[in-house]
Amino acid sequence: MHRNSGKSRNSRVSNTPKTKISYEKKADPAISEYSTASLNWLRQAEFLMSAPKLNLCVEDTGYEIAFAGRSNAGKSSAINALTNQKQLARASKRPGRTQMINFFSLGNPDQRLVDLPGYGYAAVPEAMKIVWQKELENYLIHRKSLQGLVLLMDIRHPLQHFDVMMLEWAYSRKLFVHVLLTKSDKLNRGPASKALLDVQQQLKKMKLQFSIQLFSSLNRQGLEELASVMAGRLNYTLEQTAEFDLDAIPTISEDDVETETEADQSTEQ
């Protein structure tokens, strides 16, 4: 009887329909909802003002996140893609045209994006670079409403001299930094992933626990991830959600993205 019961159990097991086990990671619905809502919210961005000096900036209240990076890293293109507005931040084929601190409101003046002057572009006159750097220092040191930085780096030329300086500066001020490896569409998937891992490892060696992601203004890679990171730091809540049709987002063309010139290849001396 013992053998018979064993056979019947084996028979029942063999006749049980086989089900596939899926190891695919499922997206958290709450996170997805917040990411999408954050992206919708950021599309309300409106130009507020430009200031050449800290004492002429918007009143230092509320929350703001600043976009910083080399002049050829694609700051303007990233802001335009994030806000779905082609001309909100003026993208140019000539790096270094952003010469002032530019503020953009997000539904109310106490939640802002800031576009900082690009740094490290060799073709800008030395005297002008010194002025820009001084005002950049003043802003980073004294701006109380500054919650953190989105630091953009061309994925093919990450962690240049001024990038490292900016990371260390933010760390000393206890600001958060979200590193954006831009122009990821210029690399295939494998090399792009390797570049991401390499920068993560270098940040770890520097004992800098900053977040990092791949990003492309051209194919909109990483938009929702960036939006959710920024919204959280800007004290955004789902109650602030604005109506927006995601299906109506136009495709960004090469002409709308800052293009690389030979001068972009140059690094700080």
Protein backbone atom coordinates (compact mmCIF):
# COMPACT_ATOMS: atom_id res chain seq x y z
CA MET A 1 0.00 0.00 0.00
CA HIS A 2 2.90 2.31 0.65
CA ARG A 3 4.17 1.84 -2.91
CA ASN A 4 0.71 2.38 -4.39
CA SER A 5 0.22 5.64 -2.50
CA GLY A 6 3.64 6.79 -3.76
CA LYS A 7 2.64 6.09 -7.34
CA SER A 8 -0.61 7.97 -6.98
CA ARG A 9 1.21 11.03 -5.57
CA ASN A 10 3.70 10.95 -8.46
CA SER A 11 0.84 10.61 -10.88
CA ARG A 12 -0.97 13.59 -9.39
CA VAL A 13 2.21 15.71 -9.58
CA SER A 14 2.91 14.75 -13.17
CA ASN A 15 -0.64 15.61 -14.19
CA THR A 16 -0.54 19.05 -12.54
CA PRO A 17 -0.42 21.80 -15.18
CA LYS A 18 3.00 23.47 -15.26
CA THR A 19 3.09 27.21 -14.66
CA LYS A 20 5.85 29.55 -15.76
CA ILE A 21 7.73 31.40 -13.06
CA SER A 22 8.35 35.01 -13.99
CA TYR A 23 11.44 36.71 -12.58
CA GLU A 24 10.64 40.04 -14.18
CA LYS A 25 10.60 42.86 -11.63
CA LYS A 26 7.18 44.46 -11.48
CA ALA A 27 6.94 48.23 -11.26
CA ASP A 28 5.49 49.62 -8.05
CA PRO A 29 2.17 51.25 -9.08
CA ALA A 30 2.61 53.99 -6.47
CA ILE A 31 6.09 54.86 -7.78
CA SER A 32 4.88 54.83 -11.39
CA GLU A 33 1.97 57.10 -10.55
CA TYR A 34 4.23 59.57 -8.75
CA SER A 35 6.77 59.56 -11.59
CA THR A 36 4.13 60.24 -14.22
CA ALA A 37 2.45 62.91 -12.10
CA SER A 38 5.82 64.53 -11.42
CA LEU A 39 6.57 64.72 -15.13
CA ASN A 40 3.17 66.29 -15.77
CA TRP A 41 3.80 68.83 -13.02
CA LEU A 42 7.21 69.86 -14.34
CA ARG A 43 5.63 70.63 -17.72
CA GLN A 44 4.01 73.67 -16.09
CA ALA A 45 7.42 75.36 -15.99
CA GLU A 46 7.46 79.02 -16.94
CA PHE A 47 10.35 81.44 -17.28
CA LEU A 48 10.52 83.61 -14.18
CA MET A 49 13.63 85.79 -14.52
CA SER A 50 17.36 85.93 -15.25
CA ALA A 51 19.94 87.40 -12.88
CA PRO A 52 23.61 88.19 -13.48
CA LYS A 53 24.38 88.28 -9.74
CA LEU A 54 23.20 86.61 -6.55
CA ASN A 55 21.78 89.82 -5.08
CA LEU A 56 19.52 90.22 -8.13
CA CYS A 57 18.07 86.70 -7.94
CA VAL A 58 14.51 85.70 -7.05
CA GLU A 59 13.67 86.06 -3.35
CA ASP A 60 15.46 83.32 -1.42
CA THR A 61 12.38 81.40 -0.23
CA GLY A 62 10.79 78.06 -1.05
CA TYR A 63 12.60 75.26 -2.88
CA GLU A 64 14.77 75.18 -5.97
CA ILE A 65 16.97 72.69 -7.78
CA ALA A 66 19.76 73.90 -10.04
CA PHE A 67 21.03 72.32 -13.25
CA ALA A 68 24.82 72.55 -13.45
CA GLY A 69 27.46 71.18 -15.79
CA ARG A 70 29.97 71.87 -18.51
CA SER A 71 28.82 74.12 -21.32
CA ASN A 72 28.57 71.18 -23.72
CA ALA A 73 26.83 68.73 -21.36
CA GLY A 74 23.32 69.44 -22.67
CA LYS A 75 21.73 71.42 -19.81
CA SER A 76 19.31 73.40 -21.94
CA SER A 77 18.27 70.34 -23.91
CA ALA A 78 17.61 68.40 -20.70
CA ILE A 79 15.46 71.19 -19.26
CA ASN A 80 13.52 71.53 -22.52
CA ALA A 81 12.92 67.78 -22.73
CA LEU A 82 11.90 67.56 -19.06
CA THR A 83 9.40 70.42 -19.41
CA ASN A 84 8.31 69.53 -22.94
CA GLN A 85 9.05 73.06 -24.10
CA LYS A 86 11.51 73.41 -26.96
CA GLN A 87 12.51 77.00 -26.20
CA LEU A 88 12.12 77.27 -22.41
CA ALA A 89 15.88 77.08 -21.95
CA ARG A 90 17.67 78.29 -25.03
CA ALA A 91 19.65 75.43 -26.51
CA SER A 92 22.52 76.51 -28.72
CA LYS A 93 25.09 74.89 -30.97
CA ARG A 94 27.57 77.30 -29.38
CA PRO A 95 28.36 76.11 -25.83
CA GLY A 96 28.64 78.82 -23.22
CA ARG A 97 25.72 81.05 -24.19
CA THR A 98 24.01 80.73 -20.81
CA GLN A 99 25.69 83.61 -19.00
CA MET A 100 23.13 84.31 -16.27
CA ILE A 101 21.30 82.44 -13.54
CA ASN A 102 17.90 81.60 -15.06
CA PHE A 103 14.85 80.82 -12.90
CA PHE A 104 11.72 78.89 -13.92
CA SER A 105 8.61 78.62 -11.74
CA LEU A 106 6.59 75.41 -11.43
CA GLY A 107 3.01 76.47 -10.88
CA ASN A 108 4.04 78.78 -8.06
CA PRO A 109 7.15 80.93 -7.50
CA ASP A 110 8.24 78.94 -4.43
CA GLN A 111 9.05 75.79 -6.44
CA ARG A 112 11.68 76.48 -9.09
CA LEU A 113 14.15 75.07 -11.58
CA VAL A 114 17.39 76.98 -12.04
CA ASP A 115 19.67 76.91 -15.07
CA LEU A 116 23.21 77.86 -14.03
CA PRO A 117 25.93 79.18 -16.37
CA GLY A 118 27.92 76.37 -17.97
CA TYR A 119 31.50 75.97 -16.81
CA GLY A 120 34.77 74.77 -18.26
CA TYR A 121 34.37 75.84 -21.87
CA ALA A 122 37.83 76.73 -23.16
CA ALA A 123 36.69 79.22 -25.88
CA VAL A 124 35.12 81.66 -23.39
CA PRO A 125 37.49 84.54 -22.53
CA GLU A 126 39.35 83.97 -19.28
CA ALA A 127 38.03 87.19 -17.69
CA MET A 128 34.45 86.10 -18.36
CA LYS A 129 35.10 82.63 -16.94
CA ILE A 130 36.40 84.22 -13.73
CA VAL A 131 33.24 86.35 -13.39
CA TRP A 132 30.97 83.37 -14.02
CA GLN A 133 32.84 81.23 -11.51
CA LYS A 134 32.62 83.90 -8.83
CA GLU A 135 28.86 84.28 -9.22
CA LEU A 136 28.45 80.50 -9.34
CA GLU A 137 30.37 80.23 -6.06
CA ASN A 138 28.20 82.93 -4.45
CA TYR A 139 25.04 81.16 -5.52
CA LEU A 140 26.12 77.72 -4.32
CA ILE A 141 27.44 78.97 -0.99
CA HIS A 142 24.77 81.49 0.02
CA ARG A 143 21.51 80.36 -1.61
CA LYS A 144 19.34 78.98 1.24
CA SER A 145 16.47 77.76 -0.93
CA LEU A 146 18.82 75.58 -2.99
CA GLN A 147 17.90 71.96 -2.22
CA GLY A 148 20.43 70.33 -4.50
CA LEU A 149 21.91 69.95 -7.96
CA VAL A 150 21.27 68.00 -11.10
CA LEU A 151 24.83 67.68 -12.33
CA LEU A 152 25.04 66.88 -16.02
CA MET A 153 28.01 65.12 -17.61
CA ASP A 154 28.44 63.95 -21.18
CA ILE A 155 28.51 60.16 -20.83
CA ARG A 156 31.62 60.05 -23.05
CA HIS A 157 33.53 62.56 -20.88
CA PRO A 158 32.38 62.15 -17.26
CA LEU A 159 34.02 63.43 -14.08
CA GLN A 160 36.09 66.22 -15.58
CA HIS A 161 37.97 68.58 -13.26
CA PHE A 162 35.12 71.02 -12.63
CA ASP A 163 32.62 68.15 -12.26
CA VAL A 164 34.65 66.75 -9.38
CA MET A 165 34.95 70.21 -7.84
CA MET A 166 31.17 70.62 -8.01
CA LEU A 167 30.58 67.22 -6.39
CA GLU A 168 32.96 67.99 -3.54
CA TRP A 169 31.43 71.43 -3.13
CA ALA A 170 27.93 69.99 -2.85
CA TYR A 171 29.11 67.39 -0.36
CA SER A 172 30.69 70.08 1.83
CA ARG A 173 27.38 72.00 1.78
CA LYS A 174 25.40 68.81 2.48
CA LEU A 175 23.42 69.25 -0.72
CA PHE A 176 22.05 66.29 -2.60
CA VAL A 177 23.32 65.71 -6.14
CA HIS A 178 21.64 63.70 -8.87
CA VAL A 179 24.17 62.93 -11.60
CA LEU A 180 22.84 62.82 -15.14
CA LEU A 181 24.99 61.03 -17.71
CA THR A 182 23.66 62.81 -20.79
CA LYS A 183 23.74 61.91 -24.50
CA SER A 184 23.43 58.22 -23.64
CA ASP A 185 21.98 57.70 -27.13
CA LYS A 186 25.53 58.25 -28.46
CA LEU A 187 26.54 54.86 -27.02
CA ASN A 188 25.13 51.38 -27.46
CA ARG A 189 23.35 49.83 -24.50
CA GLY A 190 26.33 47.79 -23.28
CA PRO A 191 28.91 50.62 -23.30
CA ALA A 192 26.36 53.00 -21.76
CA SER A 193 25.68 50.60 -18.89
CA LYS A 194 29.42 50.14 -18.37
CA ALA A 195 29.96 53.91 -18.27
CA LEU A 196 27.21 54.20 -15.66
CA LEU A 197 28.82 51.48 -13.53
CA ASP A 198 32.27 53.06 -13.86
CA VAL A 199 31.05 56.44 -12.62
CA GLN A 200 29.14 54.78 -9.77
CA GLN A 201 32.31 53.02 -8.69
CA GLN A 202 34.36 56.22 -8.88
CA LEU A 203 31.80 58.08 -6.77
CA LYS A 204 31.95 55.25 -4.25
CA LYS A 205 35.75 55.56 -4.07
CA MET A 206 35.30 59.28 -3.43
CA LYS A 207 32.80 58.37 -0.67
CA LEU A 208 30.06 60.35 -2.39
CA GLN A 209 26.70 58.63 -2.13
CA PHE A 210 24.92 60.58 -4.85
CA SER A 211 22.25 59.16 -7.16
CA ILE A 212 23.01 58.72 -10.84
CA GLN A 213 21.23 57.72 -14.05
CA LEU A 214 21.50 57.55 -17.83
CA PHE A 215 19.73 60.28 -19.79
CA SER A 216 19.04 61.26 -23.38
CA SER A 217 17.16 64.37 -24.45
CA LEU A 218 16.88 62.98 -27.97
CA ASN A 219 15.03 59.75 -27.19
CA ARG A 220 13.64 60.88 -23.80
CA GLN A 221 15.43 58.13 -21.89
CA GLY A 222 15.25 58.66 -18.13
CA LEU A 223 12.69 61.49 -18.09
CA GLU A 224 10.34 59.95 -15.52
CA GLU A 225 13.20 58.89 -13.25
CA LEU A 226 14.64 62.39 -13.29
CA ALA A 227 11.20 63.95 -12.76
CA SER A 228 10.44 61.86 -9.68
CA VAL A 229 13.83 62.62 -8.10
CA MET A 230 13.38 66.35 -8.63
CA ALA A 231 9.75 66.44 -7.51
CA GLY A 232 10.59 64.74 -4.24
CA ARG A 233 13.29 67.32 -3.47
CA LEU A 234 11.01 70.19 -4.46
CA ASN A 235 8.33 69.08 -1.99
CA TYR A 236 5.87 68.16 -4.71
CA THR A 237 2.75 66.20 -3.71
CA LEU A 238 0.20 64.41 -5.88
CA GLU A 239 -2.41 66.99 -4.86
CA GLN A 240 -0.54 69.47 -7.08
CA THR A 241 -1.02 67.35 -10.21
CA ALA A 242 -1.85 69.30 -13.36
CA GLU A 243 -3.83 67.82 -16.24
CA PHE A 244 -1.60 66.88 -19.16
CA ASP A 245 -1.92 64.45 -22.03
CA LEU A 246 1.26 62.36 -22.13
CA ASP A 247 0.30 61.04 -25.57
CA ALA A 248 0.56 64.60 -26.90
CA ILE A 249 4.28 64.86 -26.19
CA PRO A 250 6.00 65.73 -29.48
CA THR A 251 9.09 63.90 -30.64
CA ILE A 252 12.35 65.78 -30.11
CA SER A 253 14.56 65.98 -33.16
CA GLU A 254 18.31 66.35 -33.52
CA ASP A 255 17.79 70.04 -34.31
CA ASP A 256 16.25 70.62 -30.88
CA VAL A 257 19.21 69.10 -29.05
CA GLU A 258 22.54 70.84 -28.49
CA THR A 259 24.96 69.38 -31.00
CA GLU A 260 28.57 68.63 -30.31
CA THR A 261 31.21 70.72 -32.05
CA GLU A 262 34.94 70.26 -32.19
CA ALA A 263 35.21 72.77 -29.37
CA ASP A 264 33.08 70.48 -27.21
CA GLN A 265 35.86 67.94 -27.27
CA SER A 266 38.20 70.29 -25.39
CA THR A 267 38.55 69.86 -21.63
CA GLU A 268 39.70 72.19 -18.90
CA GLN A 269 43.38 72.93 -18.94
